[in-house]
Amino acid sequence: MKVILLENLKKIGSIGEIIDVKRGFARNYLIANKKALYASKENINQVEKIKLELSKKDNERKKNAKSIASQINKKEYLIKKLCTENNELYGSVKPTEISKIINEKDKIEIKPSMIQPVTEIKSLGKFKIKISLHSEVDAEIFINVQTADTIQ
């Protein structure tokens, strides 16, 4: 299925590009999240007209992502979890939890879908986490998981 991209997407394409993707991906993700339009003649003409506007919006998002990246890049966040005697966690540290901690500490909204742990966090220690703020802007933070003596 051919679609026209309305924003820059990593590993997919850039604004105004007409790409061929699977029908389900187009319908359920790209079009549902307003990241693309069906590639009809009318839509192609419409996107050509608003391409400049879309680029400005994308540059604005990129600028915001860069400012957030400069605030949180290389920062360390502490998470206290209950663990077993051999330092394994009961459960794991999820992106929603990481997102909540960043919001509490720095008052920065980061969607859990942007957070990409390098490995699943299931034990105590320091972990490197990659946060994809924009298709061209990434930040790296560290999560320090320590033992909690009691349940919060």
N, C-alpha and C. Protein backbone atom coordinates (compact mmCIF):
# COMPACT_ATOMS: atom_id res chain seq x y z
N MET A 1 0.84 -1.17 0.00
CA MET A 1 0.00 0.00 0.00
C MET A 1 0.89 1.24 0.00
N LYS A 2 0.60 2.17 -0.85
CA LYS A 2 1.40 3.39 -0.94
C LYS A 2 0.82 4.48 -0.05
N VAL A 3 1.71 5.12 0.75
CA VAL A 3 1.31 6.22 1.62
C VAL A 3 2.31 7.37 1.49
N ILE A 4 1.87 8.57 1.88
CA ILE A 4 2.73 9.75 1.89
C ILE A 4 3.02 10.09 3.34
N LEU A 5 4.29 10.20 3.67
CA LEU A 5 4.67 10.50 5.06
C LEU A 5 4.44 11.96 5.39
N LEU A 6 3.90 12.21 6.59
CA LEU A 6 3.66 13.57 7.06
C LEU A 6 4.71 14.02 8.07
N GLU A 7 5.62 13.11 8.46
CA GLU A 7 6.72 13.47 9.35
C GLU A 7 7.90 12.55 9.09
N ASN A 8 9.08 12.97 9.57
CA ASN A 8 10.27 12.15 9.42
C ASN A 8 10.19 10.98 10.39
N LEU A 9 10.37 9.78 9.87
CA LEU A 9 10.34 8.59 10.71
C LEU A 9 11.63 7.81 10.51
N LYS A 10 12.26 7.45 11.62
CA LYS A 10 13.51 6.71 11.58
C LYS A 10 13.31 5.38 10.85
N LYS A 11 14.22 5.04 9.97
CA LYS A 11 14.23 3.79 9.20
C LYS A 11 13.04 3.63 8.24
N ILE A 12 12.20 4.67 8.09
CA ILE A 12 11.05 4.55 7.20
C ILE A 12 11.14 5.56 6.06
N GLY A 13 11.31 6.85 6.39
CA GLY A 13 11.41 7.87 5.35
C GLY A 13 11.25 9.26 5.90
N SER A 14 11.21 10.25 4.99
CA SER A 14 11.11 11.64 5.42
C SER A 14 9.82 12.27 4.89
N ILE A 15 9.54 13.48 5.32
CA ILE A 15 8.31 14.20 5.00
C ILE A 15 8.08 14.26 3.49
N GLY A 16 6.84 13.96 3.08
CA GLY A 16 6.46 14.08 1.67
C GLY A 16 6.86 12.89 0.82
N GLU A 17 7.61 11.97 1.38
CA GLU A 17 8.07 10.80 0.62
C GLU A 17 6.91 9.81 0.46
N ILE A 18 6.79 9.25 -0.74
CA ILE A 18 5.78 8.24 -0.99
C ILE A 18 6.45 6.88 -0.86
N ILE A 19 5.98 6.10 0.10
CA ILE A 19 6.60 4.80 0.37
C ILE A 19 5.57 3.69 0.26
N ASP A 20 6.06 2.47 0.08
CA ASP A 20 5.20 1.30 -0.01
C ASP A 20 5.36 0.50 1.28
N VAL A 21 4.27 0.35 2.04
CA VAL A 21 4.32 -0.39 3.30
C VAL A 21 3.17 -1.41 3.33
N LYS A 22 3.24 -2.31 4.28
CA LYS A 22 2.17 -3.30 4.42
C LYS A 22 0.88 -2.60 4.86
N ARG A 23 -0.22 -3.14 4.39
CA ARG A 23 -1.54 -2.54 4.63
C ARG A 23 -1.83 -2.34 6.13
N GLY A 24 -1.54 -3.34 6.95
CA GLY A 24 -1.82 -3.25 8.39
C GLY A 24 -1.00 -2.17 9.05
N PHE A 25 0.29 -2.07 8.70
CA PHE A 25 1.17 -1.04 9.27
C PHE A 25 0.66 0.34 8.89
N ALA A 26 0.25 0.50 7.62
CA ALA A 26 -0.27 1.78 7.15
C ALA A 26 -1.54 2.16 7.91
N ARG A 27 -2.49 1.24 7.94
CA ARG A 27 -3.79 1.53 8.55
C ARG A 27 -3.72 1.67 10.06
N ASN A 28 -3.06 0.74 10.73
CA ASN A 28 -3.08 0.68 12.19
C ASN A 28 -2.09 1.60 12.87
N TYR A 29 -1.02 1.98 12.18
CA TYR A 29 -0.02 2.82 12.84
C TYR A 29 0.14 4.18 12.15
N LEU A 30 0.57 4.16 10.89
CA LEU A 30 0.89 5.42 10.21
C LEU A 30 -0.33 6.34 10.08
N ILE A 31 -1.41 5.82 9.54
CA ILE A 31 -2.58 6.66 9.31
C ILE A 31 -3.33 6.93 10.61
N ALA A 32 -3.42 5.93 11.49
CA ALA A 32 -4.11 6.10 12.77
C ALA A 32 -3.44 7.17 13.64
N ASN A 33 -2.09 7.26 13.57
CA ASN A 33 -1.36 8.26 14.37
C ASN A 33 -1.04 9.53 13.59
N LYS A 34 -1.71 9.72 12.44
CA LYS A 34 -1.54 10.90 11.60
C LYS A 34 -0.09 11.13 11.20
N LYS A 35 0.62 10.04 10.93
CA LYS A 35 2.00 10.13 10.46
C LYS A 35 2.07 9.99 8.94
N ALA A 36 0.93 9.59 8.32
CA ALA A 36 0.90 9.41 6.87
C ALA A 36 -0.53 9.53 6.34
N LEU A 37 -0.63 9.70 5.03
CA LEU A 37 -1.92 9.72 4.33
C LEU A 37 -1.87 8.70 3.20
N TYR A 38 -3.06 8.21 2.77
CA TYR A 38 -3.11 7.35 1.60
C TYR A 38 -2.56 8.13 0.42
N ALA A 39 -1.85 7.47 -0.48
CA ALA A 39 -1.23 8.16 -1.63
C ALA A 39 -2.20 8.28 -2.80
N SER A 40 -3.24 9.09 -2.63
CA SER A 40 -4.15 9.37 -3.73
C SER A 40 -3.66 10.66 -4.42
N LYS A 41 -4.16 10.94 -5.62
CA LYS A 41 -3.73 12.14 -6.36
C LYS A 41 -4.01 13.41 -5.55
N GLU A 42 -5.20 13.47 -4.93
CA GLU A 42 -5.58 14.66 -4.15
C GLU A 42 -4.63 14.84 -2.96
N ASN A 43 -4.35 13.74 -2.25
CA ASN A 43 -3.47 13.80 -1.08
C ASN A 43 -2.05 14.19 -1.49
N ILE A 44 -1.56 13.69 -2.62
CA ILE A 44 -0.21 14.04 -3.08
C ILE A 44 -0.12 15.54 -3.34
N ASN A 45 -1.14 16.09 -4.02
CA ASN A 45 -1.16 17.54 -4.28
C ASN A 45 -1.24 18.34 -2.99
N GLN A 46 -2.07 17.87 -2.06
CA GLN A 46 -2.24 18.55 -0.77
C GLN A 46 -0.93 18.56 0.01
N VAL A 47 -0.22 17.43 0.06
CA VAL A 47 1.03 17.34 0.81
C VAL A 47 2.10 18.21 0.17
N GLU A 48 2.13 18.30 -1.16
CA GLU A 48 3.09 19.19 -1.83
C GLU A 48 2.89 20.63 -1.38
N LYS A 49 1.63 21.03 -1.21
CA LYS A 49 1.32 22.40 -0.79
C LYS A 49 1.74 22.66 0.65
N ILE A 50 1.53 21.67 1.52
CA ILE A 50 1.81 21.91 2.95
C ILE A 50 3.15 21.34 3.40
N LYS A 51 3.99 20.93 2.44
CA LYS A 51 5.28 20.33 2.77
C LYS A 51 6.16 21.29 3.59
N LEU A 52 6.18 22.56 3.22
CA LEU A 52 6.98 23.56 3.93
C LEU A 52 6.51 23.71 5.37
N GLU A 53 5.20 23.74 5.53
CA GLU A 53 4.60 23.85 6.87
C GLU A 53 4.97 22.63 7.73
N LEU A 54 4.90 21.44 7.13
CA LEU A 54 5.24 20.22 7.86
C LEU A 54 6.71 20.23 8.26
N SER A 55 7.58 20.73 7.38
CA SER A 55 9.01 20.81 7.69
C SER A 55 9.26 21.74 8.87
N LYS A 56 8.54 22.86 8.90
CA LYS A 56 8.69 23.81 10.03
C LYS A 56 8.28 23.14 11.33
N LYS A 57 7.14 22.43 11.31
CA LYS A 57 6.68 21.73 12.51
C LYS A 57 7.70 20.69 12.95
N ASP A 58 8.26 19.96 11.99
CA ASP A 58 9.25 18.93 12.29
C ASP A 58 10.50 19.56 12.89
N ASN A 59 10.94 20.69 12.34
CA ASN A 59 12.11 21.39 12.88
C ASN A 59 11.85 21.88 14.30
N GLU A 60 10.62 22.32 14.56
CA GLU A 60 10.23 22.75 15.91
C GLU A 60 10.31 21.58 16.90
N ARG A 61 9.76 20.42 16.46
CA ARG A 61 9.82 19.22 17.30
C ARG A 61 11.27 18.82 17.56
N LYS A 62 12.08 18.95 16.52
CA LYS A 62 13.50 18.58 16.64
C LYS A 62 14.20 19.50 17.64
N LYS A 63 13.87 20.78 17.59
CA LYS A 63 14.46 21.76 18.51
C LYS A 63 14.06 21.43 19.95
N ASN A 64 12.78 21.12 20.16
CA ASN A 64 12.29 20.73 21.49
C ASN A 64 12.99 19.46 21.97
N ALA A 65 13.14 18.50 21.06
CA ALA A 65 13.81 17.24 21.41
C ALA A 65 15.26 17.50 21.81
N LYS A 66 15.93 18.40 21.10
CA LYS A 66 17.33 18.72 21.43
C LYS A 66 17.45 19.37 22.80
N SER A 67 16.50 20.26 23.13
CA SER A 67 16.54 20.90 24.45
C SER A 67 16.30 19.89 25.56
N ILE A 68 15.37 18.95 25.34
CA ILE A 68 15.12 17.90 26.33
C ILE A 68 16.35 17.00 26.45
N ALA A 69 16.96 16.67 25.32
CA ALA A 69 18.15 15.82 25.32
C ALA A 69 19.28 16.47 26.11
N SER A 70 19.46 17.79 25.95
CA SER A 70 20.52 18.47 26.68
C SER A 70 20.25 18.47 28.19
N GLN A 71 18.97 18.44 28.58
CA GLN A 71 18.63 18.44 30.01
C GLN A 71 18.84 17.07 30.65
N ILE A 72 18.54 15.99 29.91
CA ILE A 72 18.59 14.67 30.55
C ILE A 72 19.75 13.79 30.12
N ASN A 73 20.49 14.17 29.07
CA ASN A 73 21.56 13.32 28.54
C ASN A 73 22.61 13.03 29.61
N LYS A 74 23.00 11.77 29.72
CA LYS A 74 24.03 11.28 30.65
C LYS A 74 23.64 11.42 32.13
N LYS A 75 22.37 11.71 32.42
CA LYS A 75 21.93 11.81 33.81
C LYS A 75 21.70 10.43 34.39
N GLU A 76 21.78 10.35 35.72
CA GLU A 76 21.53 9.08 36.39
C GLU A 76 20.30 9.19 37.27
N TYR A 77 19.42 8.21 37.18
CA TYR A 77 18.20 8.18 37.98
C TYR A 77 18.23 6.94 38.87
N LEU A 78 17.77 7.11 40.09
CA LEU A 78 17.80 6.03 41.08
C LEU A 78 16.41 5.40 41.19
N ILE A 79 16.37 4.09 41.13
CA ILE A 79 15.13 3.35 41.32
C ILE A 79 15.36 2.32 42.41
N LYS A 80 14.48 2.30 43.41
CA LYS A 80 14.59 1.33 44.49
C LYS A 80 13.52 0.26 44.28
N LYS A 81 13.96 -1.01 44.27
CA LYS A 81 13.06 -2.13 44.06
C LYS A 81 13.38 -3.24 45.05
N LEU A 82 12.39 -4.04 45.36
CA LEU A 82 12.62 -5.22 46.19
C LEU A 82 13.33 -6.28 45.36
N CYS A 83 14.26 -7.01 46.02
CA CYS A 83 14.99 -8.04 45.28
C CYS A 83 15.21 -9.28 46.15
N THR A 84 15.62 -10.35 45.48
CA THR A 84 15.90 -11.61 46.17
C THR A 84 17.30 -11.56 46.77
N GLU A 85 17.69 -12.64 47.45
CA GLU A 85 19.02 -12.68 48.07
C GLU A 85 20.14 -12.61 47.03
N ASN A 86 19.90 -13.15 45.82
CA ASN A 86 20.95 -13.12 44.80
C ASN A 86 20.78 -11.93 43.84
N ASN A 87 20.28 -10.82 44.36
CA ASN A 87 20.18 -9.52 43.66
C ASN A 87 19.35 -9.53 42.38
N GLU A 88 18.37 -10.40 42.29
CA GLU A 88 17.44 -10.37 41.17
C GLU A 88 16.16 -9.69 41.62
N LEU A 89 15.59 -8.86 40.75
CA LEU A 89 14.39 -8.11 41.11
C LEU A 89 13.15 -9.00 41.03
N TYR A 90 12.16 -8.64 41.85
CA TYR A 90 10.84 -9.24 41.71
C TYR A 90 10.18 -8.45 40.58
N GLY A 91 10.08 -9.04 39.40
CA GLY A 91 9.58 -8.30 38.24
C GLY A 91 10.74 -7.62 37.55
N SER A 92 10.46 -6.52 36.85
CA SER A 92 11.53 -5.78 36.17
C SER A 92 11.18 -4.30 36.15
N VAL A 93 12.15 -3.47 35.76
CA VAL A 93 11.91 -2.03 35.66
C VAL A 93 11.39 -1.77 34.25
N LYS A 94 10.17 -1.26 34.16
CA LYS A 94 9.50 -1.04 32.88
C LYS A 94 9.68 0.42 32.41
N PRO A 95 9.53 0.66 31.09
CA PRO A 95 9.62 2.03 30.57
C PRO A 95 8.65 3.01 31.23
N THR A 96 7.45 2.54 31.62
CA THR A 96 6.50 3.44 32.28
C THR A 96 7.06 3.94 33.61
N GLU A 97 7.74 3.07 34.32
CA GLU A 97 8.36 3.44 35.60
C GLU A 97 9.48 4.47 35.39
N ILE A 98 10.30 4.24 34.37
CA ILE A 98 11.39 5.16 34.05
C ILE A 98 10.82 6.52 33.66
N SER A 99 9.77 6.50 32.85
CA SER A 99 9.10 7.73 32.41
C SER A 99 8.58 8.53 33.62
N LYS A 100 7.98 7.82 34.58
CA LYS A 100 7.44 8.46 35.79
C LYS A 100 8.56 9.12 36.61
N ILE A 101 9.68 8.44 36.74
CA ILE A 101 10.80 8.97 37.53
C ILE A 101 11.39 10.22 36.88
N ILE A 102 11.55 10.21 35.56
CA ILE A 102 12.07 11.39 34.86
C ILE A 102 11.11 12.56 35.05
N ASN A 103 9.80 12.28 34.98
CA ASN A 103 8.80 13.32 35.17
C ASN A 103 8.84 13.89 36.58
N GLU A 104 9.00 13.03 37.59
CA GLU A 104 9.07 13.48 38.98
C GLU A 104 10.32 14.32 39.25
N LYS A 105 11.47 13.84 38.76
CA LYS A 105 12.74 14.52 39.05
C LYS A 105 12.94 15.80 38.25
N ASP A 106 12.69 15.75 36.93
CA ASP A 106 13.03 16.88 36.06
C ASP A 106 11.82 17.57 35.44
N LYS A 107 10.62 17.11 35.76
CA LYS A 107 9.38 17.68 35.20
C LYS A 107 9.39 17.67 33.68
N ILE A 108 9.89 16.56 33.09
CA ILE A 108 9.93 16.43 31.64
C ILE A 108 9.05 15.24 31.25
N GLU A 109 8.10 15.49 30.35
CA GLU A 109 7.20 14.44 29.88
C GLU A 109 7.90 13.60 28.82
N ILE A 110 8.09 12.31 29.09
CA ILE A 110 8.65 11.40 28.11
C ILE A 110 7.73 10.20 28.03
N LYS A 111 7.27 9.91 26.82
CA LYS A 111 6.37 8.78 26.63
C LYS A 111 7.14 7.47 26.81
N PRO A 112 6.52 6.48 27.45
CA PRO A 112 7.20 5.18 27.62
C PRO A 112 7.62 4.55 26.30
N SER A 113 6.91 4.85 25.22
CA SER A 113 7.27 4.27 23.92
C SER A 113 8.60 4.81 23.39
N MET A 114 9.05 5.96 23.90
CA MET A 114 10.32 6.55 23.47
C MET A 114 11.51 5.87 24.15
N ILE A 115 11.25 5.18 25.26
CA ILE A 115 12.32 4.61 26.07
C ILE A 115 12.67 3.22 25.55
N GLN A 116 13.96 3.02 25.25
CA GLN A 116 14.42 1.73 24.72
C GLN A 116 15.56 1.20 25.57
N PRO A 117 15.25 0.34 26.56
CA PRO A 117 16.34 -0.23 27.36
C PRO A 117 17.23 -1.11 26.49
N VAL A 118 18.54 -1.03 26.69
CA VAL A 118 19.47 -1.85 25.93
C VAL A 118 19.25 -3.32 26.26
N THR A 119 19.11 -3.61 27.56
CA THR A 119 18.75 -4.96 28.00
C THR A 119 17.61 -4.83 29.00
N GLU A 120 16.88 -5.89 29.22
CA GLU A 120 15.78 -5.86 30.19
C GLU A 120 16.37 -5.73 31.59
N ILE A 121 15.80 -4.85 32.40
CA ILE A 121 16.34 -4.59 33.73
C ILE A 121 15.66 -5.52 34.73
N LYS A 122 16.40 -6.58 35.13
CA LYS A 122 15.83 -7.57 36.05
C LYS A 122 16.72 -7.81 37.26
N SER A 123 17.77 -6.99 37.41
CA SER A 123 18.65 -7.16 38.56
C SER A 123 19.15 -5.80 39.03
N LEU A 124 19.87 -5.81 40.16
CA LEU A 124 20.42 -4.57 40.69
C LEU A 124 21.60 -4.13 39.84
N GLY A 125 21.89 -2.82 39.87
CA GLY A 125 23.05 -2.31 39.14
C GLY A 125 22.72 -1.10 38.29
N LYS A 126 23.70 -0.70 37.47
CA LYS A 126 23.54 0.45 36.58
C LYS A 126 23.24 -0.03 35.17
N PHE A 127 22.27 0.63 34.54
CA PHE A 127 21.88 0.25 33.19
C PHE A 127 21.81 1.48 32.29
N LYS A 128 22.28 1.32 31.05
CA LYS A 128 22.22 2.40 30.07
C LYS A 128 20.90 2.30 29.32
N ILE A 129 20.20 3.43 29.22
CA ILE A 129 18.91 3.47 28.54
C ILE A 129 18.98 4.50 27.42
N LYS A 130 18.48 4.13 26.24
CA LYS A 130 18.43 5.05 25.11
C LYS A 130 17.01 5.59 25.01
N ILE A 131 16.90 6.91 24.85
CA ILE A 131 15.59 7.54 24.70
C ILE A 131 15.55 8.21 23.33
N SER A 132 14.60 7.78 22.50
CA SER A 132 14.46 8.32 21.15
C SER A 132 13.46 9.47 21.20
N LEU A 133 13.97 10.71 21.25
CA LEU A 133 13.12 11.89 21.40
C LEU A 133 12.56 12.37 20.05
N HIS A 134 13.28 12.09 18.97
CA HIS A 134 12.91 12.52 17.63
C HIS A 134 13.60 11.56 16.68
N SER A 135 13.20 11.54 15.43
CA SER A 135 13.82 10.59 14.50
C SER A 135 15.32 10.85 14.35
N GLU A 136 15.78 12.07 14.68
CA GLU A 136 17.21 12.40 14.55
C GLU A 136 17.88 12.73 15.89
N VAL A 137 17.11 12.72 16.99
CA VAL A 137 17.66 13.11 18.30
C VAL A 137 17.45 11.99 19.32
N ASP A 138 18.57 11.50 19.87
CA ASP A 138 18.51 10.48 20.91
C ASP A 138 19.22 11.01 22.16
N ALA A 139 18.77 10.55 23.32
CA ALA A 139 19.45 10.88 24.57
C ALA A 139 19.78 9.57 25.26
N GLU A 140 20.77 9.62 26.13
CA GLU A 140 21.19 8.43 26.86
C GLU A 140 21.16 8.75 28.35
N ILE A 141 20.48 7.91 29.12
CA ILE A 141 20.47 8.10 30.57
C ILE A 141 20.91 6.80 31.23
N PHE A 142 21.17 6.89 32.53
CA PHE A 142 21.56 5.71 33.28
C PHE A 142 20.55 5.49 34.39
N ILE A 143 20.16 4.24 34.57
CA ILE A 143 19.24 3.88 35.65
C ILE A 143 20.04 3.06 36.65
N ASN A 144 20.06 3.55 37.90
CA ASN A 144 20.76 2.85 38.97
C ASN A 144 19.70 2.15 39.82
N VAL A 145 19.66 0.83 39.75
CA VAL A 145 18.66 0.06 40.51
C VAL A 145 19.28 -0.40 41.81
N GLN A 146 18.68 0.02 42.91
CA GLN A 146 19.17 -0.37 44.23
C GLN A 146 18.08 -1.10 44.99
N THR A 147 18.47 -1.79 46.02
CA THR A 147 17.52 -2.56 46.81
C THR A 147 16.71 -1.65 47.74
N ALA A 148 15.43 -1.97 47.84
CA ALA A 148 14.56 -1.25 48.78
C ALA A 148 14.35 -2.16 49.97
N ASP A 149 14.53 -1.62 51.17
CA ASP A 149 14.39 -2.44 52.38
C ASP A 149 12.95 -2.82 52.64
N THR A 150 12.03 -1.86 52.36
CA THR A 150 10.61 -2.13 52.61
C THR A 150 9.81 -1.75 51.39
N ILE A 151 8.60 -2.24 51.31
CA ILE A 151 7.69 -1.91 50.20
C ILE A 151 7.18 -0.50 50.41
N GLN A 152 7.19 0.31 49.33
CA GLN A 152 6.69 1.68 49.43
C GLN A 152 5.19 1.68 49.53
